[in-house]
Protein backbone atom coordinates (compact mmCIF):
# COMPACT_ATOMS: atom_id res chain seq x y z
CA MET A 1 26.10 14.94 20.42
CA PRO A 2 24.14 15.89 23.56
CA PRO A 3 26.11 16.34 26.80
CA THR A 4 27.00 13.20 28.72
CA LEU A 5 28.26 12.57 32.22
CA ALA A 6 31.68 11.92 30.69
CA SER A 7 31.73 15.30 28.94
CA LEU A 8 30.84 17.03 32.21
CA VAL A 9 33.60 15.16 34.04
CA GLN A 10 36.04 16.22 31.32
CA HIS A 11 34.91 19.87 31.62
CA SER A 12 38.03 21.50 33.04
CA ALA A 13 36.20 24.27 34.90
CA LEU A 14 33.88 21.97 36.84
CA LYS A 15 36.49 19.74 38.52
CA LEU A 16 34.02 16.85 39.00
CA ILE A 17 35.31 13.56 40.42
CA VAL A 18 33.76 10.17 39.62
CA ARG A 19 33.05 8.15 42.78
CA ALA A 20 30.80 5.38 41.34
CA GLY A 21 29.27 4.18 38.09
CA GLU A 22 32.41 4.66 35.99
CA ASP A 23 31.06 2.33 33.26
CA ARG A 24 27.92 4.42 32.70
CA LEU A 25 29.39 7.84 32.02
CA ASP A 26 28.40 7.78 28.33
CA THR A 27 24.75 8.28 29.33
CA PRO A 28 23.27 11.49 27.79
CA VAL A 29 22.18 14.21 30.21
CA ARG A 30 18.88 15.92 29.40
CA TRP A 31 19.11 18.46 32.24
CA ALA A 32 20.76 19.27 35.56
CA HIS A 33 18.34 19.68 38.46
CA VAL A 34 18.82 20.71 42.10
CA SER A 35 16.57 19.15 44.74
CA GLU A 36 17.02 18.59 48.47
CA LEU A 37 13.78 16.63 48.80
CA ALA A 38 13.98 13.28 50.51
CA ASP A 39 12.07 11.86 47.52
CA PRO A 40 12.48 14.02 44.38
CA VAL A 41 11.30 11.21 42.02
CA PRO A 42 7.74 12.57 41.52
CA TYR A 43 9.32 15.68 39.96
CA MET A 44 11.70 13.86 37.63
CA GLU A 45 11.11 13.03 33.95
CA GLY A 46 14.18 10.87 33.39
CA GLY A 47 17.57 11.80 31.98
CA GLU A 48 18.44 14.33 34.70
CA LEU A 49 21.68 14.80 36.64
CA LEU A 50 20.44 15.42 40.19
CA LEU A 51 22.53 17.81 42.32
CA ILE A 52 22.27 17.64 46.13
CA THR A 53 24.01 18.76 49.35
CA ALA A 54 22.03 16.24 51.48
CA MET A 55 20.54 19.07 53.53
CA THR A 56 17.46 16.99 54.47
CA LEU A 57 18.88 13.52 53.92
CA ASP A 58 20.46 11.19 56.41
CA ALA A 59 23.29 10.40 54.01
CA GLU A 60 25.08 8.28 56.59
CA ASP A 61 22.24 5.78 57.02
CA PRO A 62 22.86 2.76 54.73
CA GLU A 63 19.20 1.68 54.42
CA THR A 64 18.03 5.22 53.70
CA MET A 65 20.70 5.64 51.00
CA ARG A 66 19.92 2.26 49.40
CA ARG A 67 16.24 3.22 49.07
CA TYR A 68 17.16 6.70 47.82
CA VAL A 69 19.58 5.55 45.13
CA ARG A 70 17.33 2.72 44.04
CA ARG A 71 14.43 5.16 43.60
CA LEU A 72 16.55 7.53 41.51
CA ALA A 73 17.83 4.75 39.26
CA GLY A 74 14.31 3.39 38.74
CA ALA A 75 13.05 6.86 37.75
CA GLY A 76 15.64 7.21 34.98
CA VAL A 77 17.85 9.75 36.74
CA VAL A 78 21.24 9.36 35.02
CA GLY A 79 23.50 10.41 37.87
CA LEU A 80 23.91 12.12 41.23
CA GLY A 81 26.18 15.11 41.92
CA PHE A 82 27.07 15.42 45.63
CA ALA A 83 28.51 18.69 46.89
CA VAL A 84 31.21 18.20 49.49
CA GLY A 85 32.22 20.80 52.05
CA VAL A 86 28.65 21.99 52.63
CA ASN A 87 26.75 19.57 54.89
CA TYR A 88 29.32 16.77 54.60
CA GLU A 89 33.07 17.22 54.20
CA THR A 90 33.32 14.08 52.04
CA VAL A 91 30.91 11.77 50.28
CA PRO A 92 29.36 9.59 53.03
CA ASP A 93 30.26 5.93 52.87
CA ALA A 94 26.59 4.89 53.02
CA LEU A 95 25.82 6.88 49.86
CA LEU A 96 29.00 5.67 48.16
CA ASP A 97 28.20 2.02 48.90
CA ALA A 98 24.59 2.37 47.74
CA ALA A 99 25.68 3.97 44.43
CA ARG A 100 28.31 1.29 43.81
CA ALA A 101 25.79 -1.48 44.57
CA GLU A 102 23.44 -0.09 41.88
CA ASP A 103 26.31 0.83 39.52
CA PHE A 104 24.78 4.30 39.66
CA PRO A 105 26.99 7.24 38.57
CA LEU A 106 27.98 9.38 41.56
CA LEU A 107 29.99 12.57 41.00
CA GLU A 108 31.73 14.51 43.73
CA VAL A 109 31.22 18.28 43.31
CA PRO A 110 33.95 20.38 44.98
CA ARG A 111 32.86 23.29 47.15
CA ARG A 112 34.28 25.86 44.75
CA THR A 113 32.04 24.58 41.92
CA PRO A 114 28.53 26.04 42.25
CA PHE A 115 25.57 24.00 41.03
CA LEU A 116 24.72 26.90 38.76
CA ALA A 117 27.96 26.35 36.86
CA ILE A 118 27.00 22.73 36.22
CA SER A 119 23.50 23.73 35.08
CA LYS A 120 24.99 26.36 32.73
CA ALA A 121 27.42 23.82 31.30
CA VAL A 122 24.60 21.34 30.60
CA SER A 123 22.38 24.06 29.12
CA ALA A 124 25.19 25.37 26.89
CA ALA A 125 26.02 21.87 25.65
CA ILE A 126 22.35 21.14 24.86
CA ALA A 127 22.00 24.46 23.00
CA ALA A 128 25.19 23.77 21.04
CA ASP A 129 23.95 20.31 20.12
CA GLN A 130 20.60 21.70 18.98
CA TYR A 131 22.37 24.37 16.93
CA ARG A 132 24.54 21.73 15.28
CA ALA A 133 21.45 19.64 14.54
CA VAL A 134 19.56 22.58 13.02
CA THR A 135 22.60 23.61 10.97
CA ALA A 136 23.10 20.05 9.77
CA GLY A 137 19.39 19.82 8.98
CA PHE A 138 19.46 22.97 6.85
CA GLU A 139 22.58 21.75 5.07
CA ALA A 140 20.86 18.41 4.42
CA GLN A 141 17.81 20.28 3.10
CA ARG A 142 19.97 22.26 0.64
CA GLU A 143 21.82 19.13 -0.47
CA LEU A 144 18.60 17.13 -0.93
CA THR A 145 17.00 19.99 -2.84
CA ARG A 146 19.95 20.17 -5.22
CA ALA A 147 19.82 16.41 -5.71
CA ALA A 148 16.06 16.42 -6.38
CA LEU A 149 16.25 19.27 -8.88
CA ALA A 150 19.36 18.10 -10.70
CA GLU A 151 19.11 14.31 -10.72
CA GLY A 152 15.69 13.24 -9.45
CA PRO A 153 14.32 11.03 -6.65
CA ALA A 154 16.97 8.29 -6.91
CA GLU A 155 19.81 10.68 -6.10
CA LEU A 156 17.72 12.30 -3.37
CA LEU A 157 17.33 8.88 -1.75
CA ALA A 158 21.08 8.27 -1.99
CA ARG A 159 21.86 11.56 -0.21
CA LEU A 160 19.18 10.92 2.41
CA ALA A 161 20.55 7.42 3.11
CA ALA A 162 24.01 8.91 3.63
CA HIS A 163 22.66 11.55 6.05
CA VAL A 164 20.84 9.04 8.24
CA ASP A 165 23.56 6.36 7.92
CA GLY A 166 21.01 3.84 6.69
CA TRP A 167 18.86 3.26 3.63
CA ALA A 168 15.86 4.90 1.96
CA ALA A 169 13.18 3.66 -0.46
CA LEU A 170 10.40 5.28 -2.48
CA TYR A 171 7.10 3.47 -3.11
CA ASP A 172 4.26 4.24 -5.50
CA THR A 173 0.57 4.14 -4.61
CA SER A 174 0.34 0.41 -5.25
CA GLY A 175 3.07 -0.29 -2.68
CA ALA A 176 5.66 -1.26 -5.31
CA VAL A 177 9.25 -0.09 -4.82
CA VAL A 178 10.11 2.69 -7.29
CA ALA A 179 13.68 3.33 -6.13
CA VAL A 180 15.94 2.30 -3.24
CA GLN A 181 19.37 3.44 -2.07
CA PRO A 182 21.79 1.83 -1.45
CA GLU A 183 20.94 -1.07 -3.74
CA TRP A 184 21.71 -3.67 -1.06
CA ALA A 185 18.52 -2.59 0.75
CA GLY A 186 16.28 -3.69 -2.13
CA ARG A 187 15.14 -6.93 -0.51
CA ARG A 188 14.47 -5.25 2.82
CA ALA A 189 12.42 -2.54 1.11
CA ALA A 190 10.42 -5.12 -0.87
CA ARG A 191 9.34 -6.86 2.36
CA LEU A 192 7.55 -3.69 3.48
CA THR A 193 4.91 -3.58 0.72
CA ALA A 194 2.16 -4.78 3.09
CA ASP A 195 3.09 -2.08 5.62
CA VAL A 196 3.04 0.54 2.87
CA ALA A 197 -0.40 -0.68 1.78
CA ARG A 198 -1.71 -0.27 5.34
CA LEU A 199 -0.23 3.23 5.48
CA ARG A 200 -1.92 4.07 2.17
CA ASP A 201 -5.31 3.16 3.63
CA ARG A 202 -4.95 5.80 6.34
CA PRO A 203 -5.78 9.49 5.72
CA ALA A 204 -2.71 11.47 4.65
CA PRO A 205 -0.39 12.60 6.12
CA ALA A 206 0.37 9.36 7.93
CA SER A 207 3.44 7.70 9.40
CA ALA A 208 4.37 4.41 11.00
CA VAL A 209 7.38 2.74 12.59
CA VAL A 210 8.29 -0.83 11.70
CA GLY A 211 10.76 -2.53 14.01
CA GLY A 212 13.19 -5.24 13.01
CA SER A 213 11.36 -7.99 14.87
CA ASP A 214 12.02 -10.68 12.26
CA ASP A 215 15.26 -12.58 12.22
CA ARG A 216 16.28 -11.22 8.83
CA SER A 217 16.79 -7.60 9.89
CA ASP A 218 17.53 -5.57 12.98
CA ASP A 219 16.87 -2.10 11.59
CA ARG A 220 14.21 0.40 12.53
CA VAL A 221 12.11 1.67 9.62
CA GLU A 222 10.04 4.84 9.54
CA LEU A 223 7.33 5.07 6.87
CA GLN A 224 6.02 8.47 5.76
CA SER A 225 3.15 9.04 3.33
CA LEU A 226 3.63 11.44 0.41
CA GLY A 227 1.07 13.80 -1.09
CA THR A 228 -1.16 16.68 -0.05
CA GLY A 229 -4.55 15.16 -0.80
CA ARG A 230 -6.75 12.84 1.23
CA ARG A 231 -5.14 9.84 -0.40
CA ALA A 232 -1.39 9.21 -0.27
CA ARG A 233 0.43 9.45 -3.60
CA GLY A 234 3.32 7.28 -2.44
CA ALA A 235 5.47 6.52 0.59
CA LEU A 236 9.02 7.01 1.84
CA ALA A 237 10.76 4.39 3.97
CA VAL A 238 13.90 5.21 5.98
CA GLY A 239 15.78 2.38 7.67
CA THR A 240 18.34 3.02 10.42
CA GLY A 241 20.06 1.11 13.18
CA ALA A 242 18.72 3.44 15.89
CA PRO A 243 15.99 6.08 16.35
CA LEU A 244 16.54 9.22 14.30
CA GLY A 245 18.30 12.17 15.90
CA THR A 246 17.31 15.80 15.44
CA ALA A 247 19.50 16.39 12.39
CA GLU A 248 18.40 13.12 10.77
CA ARG A 249 14.75 13.98 11.35
CA TYR A 250 15.25 17.37 9.68
CA ALA A 251 16.66 15.52 6.67
CA VAL A 252 13.73 13.07 6.54
CA HIS A 253 11.15 15.87 6.78
CA SER A 254 12.93 17.74 3.98
CA ALA A 255 12.91 14.60 1.83
CA VAL A 256 9.18 14.10 2.47
CA ALA A 257 8.47 17.71 1.41
CA LEU A 258 10.59 17.44 -1.73
CA LEU A 259 9.15 14.07 -2.76
CA THR A 260 5.63 15.37 -2.12
CA LEU A 261 6.34 18.33 -4.41
CA THR A 262 7.70 15.89 -6.99
CA THR A 263 4.63 13.66 -6.81
CA GLU A 264 2.23 16.62 -6.96
CA ARG A 265 4.10 18.07 -9.92
CA SER A 266 3.97 14.65 -11.55
CA ARG A 267 0.26 14.56 -10.84
CA ALA A 268 -0.24 17.87 -12.67
CA LEU A 269 1.77 16.54 -15.60
CA GLN A 270 -0.28 13.35 -15.56
CA GLN A 271 -3.48 15.37 -15.78
CA ALA A 272 -2.12 17.21 -18.82
CA GLU A 273 -1.04 13.90 -20.35
CA GLN A 274 -4.48 12.53 -19.59
CA ARG A 275 -6.14 15.31 -21.59
CA LEU A 276 -3.77 14.60 -24.47
CA GLY A 277 -4.50 10.90 -24.18
CA ALA A 278 -8.24 11.55 -24.31
CA ALA A 279 -7.75 13.43 -27.60
CA VAL A 280 -5.67 10.57 -29.01
CA LEU A 281 -8.32 8.04 -27.99
CA ARG A 282 -11.14 10.04 -29.60
CA MET A 283 -9.19 10.22 -32.85
CA LEU A 284 -8.48 6.50 -32.84
CA LEU A 285 -12.13 5.62 -32.21
CA SER A 286 -13.28 7.93 -35.00
CA GLY A 287 -10.88 6.33 -37.49
CA GLN A 288 -8.37 9.19 -37.63
CA GLN A 289 -5.27 7.09 -37.11
CA ASP A 290 -2.84 9.51 -38.80
CA HIS A 291 -4.04 12.44 -36.72
CA ALA A 292 -3.85 10.29 -33.60
CA ARG A 293 -0.21 9.44 -34.33
CA ALA A 294 0.63 13.09 -34.91
CA VAL A 295 -0.93 14.17 -31.61
CA ALA A 296 0.49 11.23 -29.67
CA GLY A 297 4.05 12.19 -30.59
CA ASP A 298 6.78 10.65 -28.45
CA LEU A 299 4.49 10.34 -25.44
CA TYR A 300 2.08 7.70 -26.82
CA GLY A 301 3.46 7.11 -30.32
CA GLY A 302 5.27 3.92 -29.35
CA LEU A 303 2.00 2.48 -28.08
CA LEU A 304 0.52 2.72 -31.58
CA ASP A 305 3.44 0.93 -33.28
CA ALA A 306 2.62 -2.52 -31.86
CA PRO A 307 -0.50 -4.48 -30.91
CA PHE A 308 -2.27 -3.09 -27.88
CA ARG A 309 -5.15 -4.10 -25.63
CA LEU A 310 -8.07 -1.85 -24.84
CA VAL A 311 -9.37 -2.04 -21.26
CA ILE A 312 -12.70 -0.74 -19.99
CA ALA A 313 -13.28 -0.82 -16.23
CA GLU A 314 -16.22 0.16 -14.06
CA ALA A 315 -16.27 0.55 -10.27
CA GLU A 316 -19.32 -0.61 -8.38
CA GLY A 317 -17.92 0.51 -5.02
CA GLU A 318 -15.71 3.51 -4.32
CA SER A 319 -14.96 5.35 -7.55
CA ALA A 320 -11.41 5.90 -6.28
CA ASP A 321 -10.68 2.25 -7.06
CA LEU A 322 -10.54 3.11 -10.74
CA GLY A 323 -7.77 5.54 -9.88
CA VAL A 324 -5.96 2.77 -8.01
CA LEU A 325 -6.27 0.51 -11.07
CA ALA A 326 -4.93 3.26 -13.33
CA GLU A 327 -2.03 3.92 -10.97
CA ALA A 328 -1.21 0.22 -10.74
CA MET A 329 -1.09 -0.10 -14.54
CA GLU A 330 0.86 3.14 -14.97
CA SER A 331 3.38 2.15 -12.28
CA ALA A 332 3.91 -1.26 -13.88
CA ALA A 333 4.35 0.36 -17.28
CA SER A 334 6.79 2.92 -15.89
CA ARG A 335 8.99 0.25 -14.33
CA SER A 336 9.27 -1.62 -17.62
CA GLY A 337 9.53 1.46 -19.85
CA GLU A 338 6.16 0.91 -21.55
CA ALA A 339 3.75 3.60 -22.70
CA VAL A 340 0.20 3.42 -21.35
CA LEU A 341 -2.79 5.65 -22.11
CA ALA A 342 -5.41 5.91 -19.33
CA VAL A 343 -8.51 8.07 -19.77
CA PRO A 344 -11.42 8.46 -17.30
CA GLU A 345 -14.68 8.34 -19.25
CA GLY A 346 -17.56 9.22 -16.96
CA GLU A 347 -17.98 6.33 -14.54
CA ARG A 348 -15.51 4.28 -16.57
CA LEU A 349 -11.79 4.03 -17.07
CA VAL A 350 -10.49 3.35 -20.58
CA VAL A 351 -6.88 2.20 -20.97
CA LEU A 352 -4.70 1.40 -23.97
CA ALA A 353 -1.72 -0.77 -23.00
CA ALA A 354 0.85 -2.81 -24.91
CA ASP A 355 -0.23 -6.39 -25.56
CA GLY A 356 1.76 -8.79 -23.41
CA GLY A 357 3.22 -5.96 -21.34
CA ASP A 358 3.46 -5.37 -17.61
CA ALA A 359 0.55 -2.93 -17.58
CA VAL A 360 -1.85 -5.57 -18.92
CA ALA A 361 -0.43 -8.06 -16.40
CA ALA A 362 -1.10 -5.54 -13.61
CA CYS A 363 -4.67 -5.21 -14.89
CA THR A 364 -5.36 -8.94 -14.99
CA GLY A 365 -3.84 -9.37 -11.53
CA PHE A 366 -5.54 -6.35 -9.98
CA GLU A 367 -7.36 -6.90 -6.69
CA PRO A 368 -9.68 -4.08 -5.56
CA GLU A 369 -9.77 -2.92 -1.97
CA GLU A 370 -12.09 -4.63 0.47
CA GLY A 371 -15.68 -3.44 0.13
CA ALA A 372 -15.26 -2.22 -3.46
CA GLU A 373 -15.89 -4.03 -6.73
CA VAL A 374 -14.22 -3.37 -10.06
CA VAL A 375 -15.43 -5.05 -13.26
CA ILE A 376 -13.06 -5.15 -16.24
CA GLY A 377 -13.47 -5.98 -19.93
CA LEU A 378 -10.35 -6.64 -22.01
CA SER A 379 -10.22 -6.59 -25.80
CA ALA A 380 -8.25 -8.88 -28.06
CA PRO A 381 -4.92 -7.52 -29.39
CA ALA A 382 -5.51 -4.80 -31.96
CA GLY A 383 -3.80 -2.02 -33.87
CA PRO A 384 -4.76 1.63 -34.45
CA ILE A 385 -6.93 0.83 -37.47
CA ALA A 386 -9.07 -1.54 -35.36
CA ALA A 387 -9.33 0.66 -32.25
CA ALA A 388 -13.10 1.09 -32.61
CA SER A 389 -13.56 -2.68 -32.86
CA ALA A 390 -11.33 -3.17 -29.82
CA TYR A 391 -13.48 -0.71 -27.88
CA LYS A 392 -16.62 -2.71 -28.77
CA GLN A 393 -14.88 -5.94 -27.79
CA ALA A 394 -13.93 -4.50 -24.40
CA GLU A 395 -17.52 -3.30 -23.88
CA GLN A 396 -18.87 -6.75 -24.75
CA ALA A 397 -16.40 -8.43 -22.39
CA LEU A 398 -17.33 -5.93 -19.66
CA SER A 399 -21.03 -6.68 -20.14
CA VAL A 400 -20.44 -10.42 -19.87
CA ALA A 401 -18.25 -9.94 -16.77
CA ARG A 402 -21.01 -7.93 -15.13
CA ARG A 403 -23.68 -10.55 -15.91
CA ARG A 404 -21.56 -13.47 -14.77
CA GLY A 405 -20.40 -11.73 -11.59
CA ARG A 406 -16.76 -11.95 -12.62
CA ARG A 407 -14.06 -9.38 -12.01
CA LEU A 408 -12.46 -9.63 -15.48
CA VAL A 409 -13.41 -11.15 -18.82
CA GLU A 410 -11.23 -11.15 -21.95
CA HIS A 411 -12.96 -10.93 -25.30
CA GLU A 412 -10.92 -13.87 -26.55
CA GLU A 413 -12.79 -16.06 -24.06
CA LEU A 414 -16.06 -15.18 -25.78
CA VAL A 415 -14.72 -15.98 -29.24
CA ALA A 416 -12.97 -19.22 -28.34
CA GLY A 417 -15.53 -20.52 -25.87
CA SER A 418 -19.01 -21.94 -26.11
CA LEU A 419 -22.22 -19.97 -26.45
CA VAL A 420 -23.82 -22.00 -23.69
CA PRO A 421 -22.28 -20.09 -20.73
CA LEU A 422 -23.89 -16.94 -22.06
CA LEU A 423 -27.28 -18.51 -21.35
CA ALA A 424 -26.65 -18.17 -17.62
CA ASP A 425 -28.24 -14.72 -17.70
CA ASP A 426 -31.33 -14.43 -15.47
CA ALA A 427 -33.43 -12.98 -18.28
CA VAL A 428 -32.54 -15.89 -20.57
CA ARG A 429 -33.41 -18.42 -17.87
CA ALA A 430 -36.73 -16.71 -17.22
CA PHE A 431 -37.58 -16.86 -20.94
CA ALA A 432 -36.59 -20.53 -21.10
CA ASP A 433 -38.60 -21.45 -18.01
CA GLY A 434 -41.66 -19.72 -19.42
CA MET A 435 -41.32 -21.40 -22.79
CA LEU A 436 -40.99 -24.94 -21.41
CA ARG A 437 -43.15 -24.69 -18.30
CA ALA A 438 -46.23 -26.20 -19.97
CA LEU A 439 -44.21 -29.23 -21.11
CA TYR A 440 -42.75 -29.76 -17.63
CA GLU A 441 -46.23 -29.52 -16.11
CA HIS A 442 -47.53 -32.07 -18.63
CA ASP A 443 -44.73 -34.50 -17.80
CA ALA A 444 -45.34 -34.05 -14.08
CA THR A 445 -48.79 -35.66 -14.49
CA GLY A 446 -47.17 -38.83 -15.79
CA ARG A 447 -48.82 -38.62 -19.23
CA GLY A 448 -45.61 -38.82 -21.26
CA ASP A 449 -42.03 -37.69 -21.30
CA LEU A 450 -42.33 -34.78 -23.74
CA VAL A 451 -39.25 -32.80 -22.57
CA ALA A 452 -36.86 -35.75 -22.90
CA SER A 453 -38.41 -36.66 -26.25
CA LEU A 454 -38.01 -33.09 -27.52
CA ARG A 455 -34.38 -32.98 -26.39
CA ALA A 456 -33.58 -36.29 -28.09
CA TRP A 457 -35.36 -35.29 -31.31
CA LEU A 458 -33.59 -31.90 -31.50
CA SER A 459 -30.19 -33.42 -30.66
CA ARG A 460 -30.67 -35.84 -33.59
CA HIS A 461 -31.58 -32.96 -35.92
CA GLY A 462 -35.13 -34.29 -36.37
CA GLN A 463 -34.09 -37.81 -37.37
CA TRP A 464 -37.01 -39.96 -36.15
CA ASP A 465 -35.40 -43.39 -36.11
CA ALA A 466 -32.19 -42.26 -34.36
CA ALA A 467 -34.05 -40.22 -31.75
CA ALA A 468 -36.57 -43.02 -31.10
CA ALA A 469 -33.69 -45.47 -30.64
CA ASP A 470 -32.09 -43.13 -28.08
CA LEU A 471 -35.38 -43.05 -26.18
CA GLY A 472 -36.12 -46.73 -26.56
CA VAL A 473 -39.57 -46.09 -28.11
CA HIS A 474 -41.18 -46.69 -31.51
CA ARG A 475 -40.82 -43.85 -34.03
CA HIS A 476 -44.63 -43.53 -34.21
CA THR A 477 -44.67 -42.91 -30.46
CA LEU A 478 -42.07 -40.20 -30.90
CA ARG A 479 -44.09 -38.60 -33.74
CA TYR A 480 -47.15 -38.54 -31.50
CA ARG A 481 -45.17 -36.88 -28.72
CA MET A 482 -43.81 -34.18 -31.04
CA ARG A 483 -47.40 -33.43 -32.22
CA ARG A 484 -48.37 -33.05 -28.55
CA VAL A 485 -45.43 -30.64 -28.06
CA GLU A 486 -46.70 -28.53 -30.96
CA GLU A 487 -50.25 -28.60 -29.59
CA ILE A 488 -49.20 -27.61 -26.05
CA LEU A 489 -46.81 -24.88 -27.13
CA GLY A 490 -48.91 -23.67 -30.05
CA ARG A 491 -45.82 -23.54 -32.27
CA SER A 492 -44.62 -25.52 -35.28
CA LEU A 493 -41.47 -27.60 -35.08
CA ASP A 494 -41.05 -27.14 -38.83
CA ASP A 495 -39.95 -23.55 -38.09
CA PRO A 496 -36.12 -23.47 -37.67
CA ASP A 497 -36.39 -20.44 -35.36
CA VAL A 498 -38.71 -22.38 -33.06
CA ARG A 499 -36.35 -25.35 -33.01
CA MET A 500 -33.40 -23.03 -32.18
CA GLU A 501 -35.31 -21.32 -29.36
CA LEU A 502 -36.41 -24.64 -27.89
CA TRP A 503 -32.89 -26.07 -28.01
CA LEU A 504 -31.43 -23.00 -26.28
CA ALA A 505 -34.24 -23.08 -23.73
CA LEU A 506 -33.41 -26.70 -22.94
CA LYS A 507 -29.74 -25.72 -22.49
CA ALA A 508 -30.59 -22.77 -20.27
CA THR A 509 -33.02 -24.44 -17.88
CA THR A 510 -33.18 -27.42 -15.58
CA PRO A 511 -36.31 -29.46 -14.77
CA PRO A 512 -38.25 -28.17 -11.75
CA GLU A 513 -38.15 -30.29 -8.62
CA ALA A 514 -41.15 -32.52 -8.06
């Protein structure tokens, strides 16, 4: 603890006597300063014990003393030491009354106690407190290091929480809570995901302080980014009831360093796993399922024992967003104990994840950062023997998602849905418009409704009577109109390919405005 007015009063060698402000003696003292200026406030920083003999002060004038004491209190001076037996034999009543009116600590300094002794006592106490803080910090560093090496991040958080008399939480790059200690702080830690996300968007290293302004908590939380690169690899949150002291800050900085080393080491391991995963993926796509299983081993073997989904993603904004997607899926898989295989492939990201698992859920719920676009294709459930087919399905779904302007398309949508939405492509519409334009132009002159007649005839599979009934015309009229369609288009309606193209063109286009 830093020195306080109370500890100085209790110092047996100083013989200080409290004359006012008895209830405020627990105030810490940052320094002891001697000044005989009538207004020493411009030279104060706050936290000082001011020592005076009143050499230049009219200490017996009540108004002068009220202004003097009020100025000191407003500047953050924690107390006044008045030497008796120098210029005044006792503490003047005017000064005593002014100090009591402001509840401002006033200490009587006996003549035999030099100011230098008080300054030395304050300096020695501050040095001792700093030494204790540094020693405690180094001890915390050793304890946290042992915990990190022997038992991992969770135990490190538990030791850190004990050192700061609060709680600590570790977050991954997506802002999800990876671990929290003690467990009762889980809800509080979960409410900080938005703050962690904002911290992640800032260049590392970054920090932030979140106060307990809501009515559900009154703690003070410090957030620290983890990682050595431009982008944070995670975050540490430390919640306490008061600002951190020197020893506590040493412990937090040690925890940040250790967790950063852990995340960077994990990153190196992930890169090695990624290379192994790329080999497994190549084997699966080339039909070498047995070799893929042998190489996958315990790391990815479980992924090949049940149906999986194959994901292909492309980033149209910042390429880093693919890394965020991979991290989101890997974090979700890690929390649920799933295996996931993520492999960068040029400008793409290819991922194998368990069907129905948390990693696939993280993929379908992924939201890219503002200003960046990620397009995702997702295959149907498949096994190792159908990996190549799953890859094609994911590519097809990705292509459709890109054309439709959608963030994610599942291949099952294409199989179960209608072919008609696929006609929304601009190239298909251009072809349809060109094919039917002559008919629309003919109808615009009022010389017959060829487009409607063609649609009715095709919808009735070429049945003249049924189509004519739908139009409300004689079948001979309909036959004449179909001959005109053939003449205008220069194509035969007896050709099934022509009929198919015309039907799709009608589905893909809308009549031009008059």
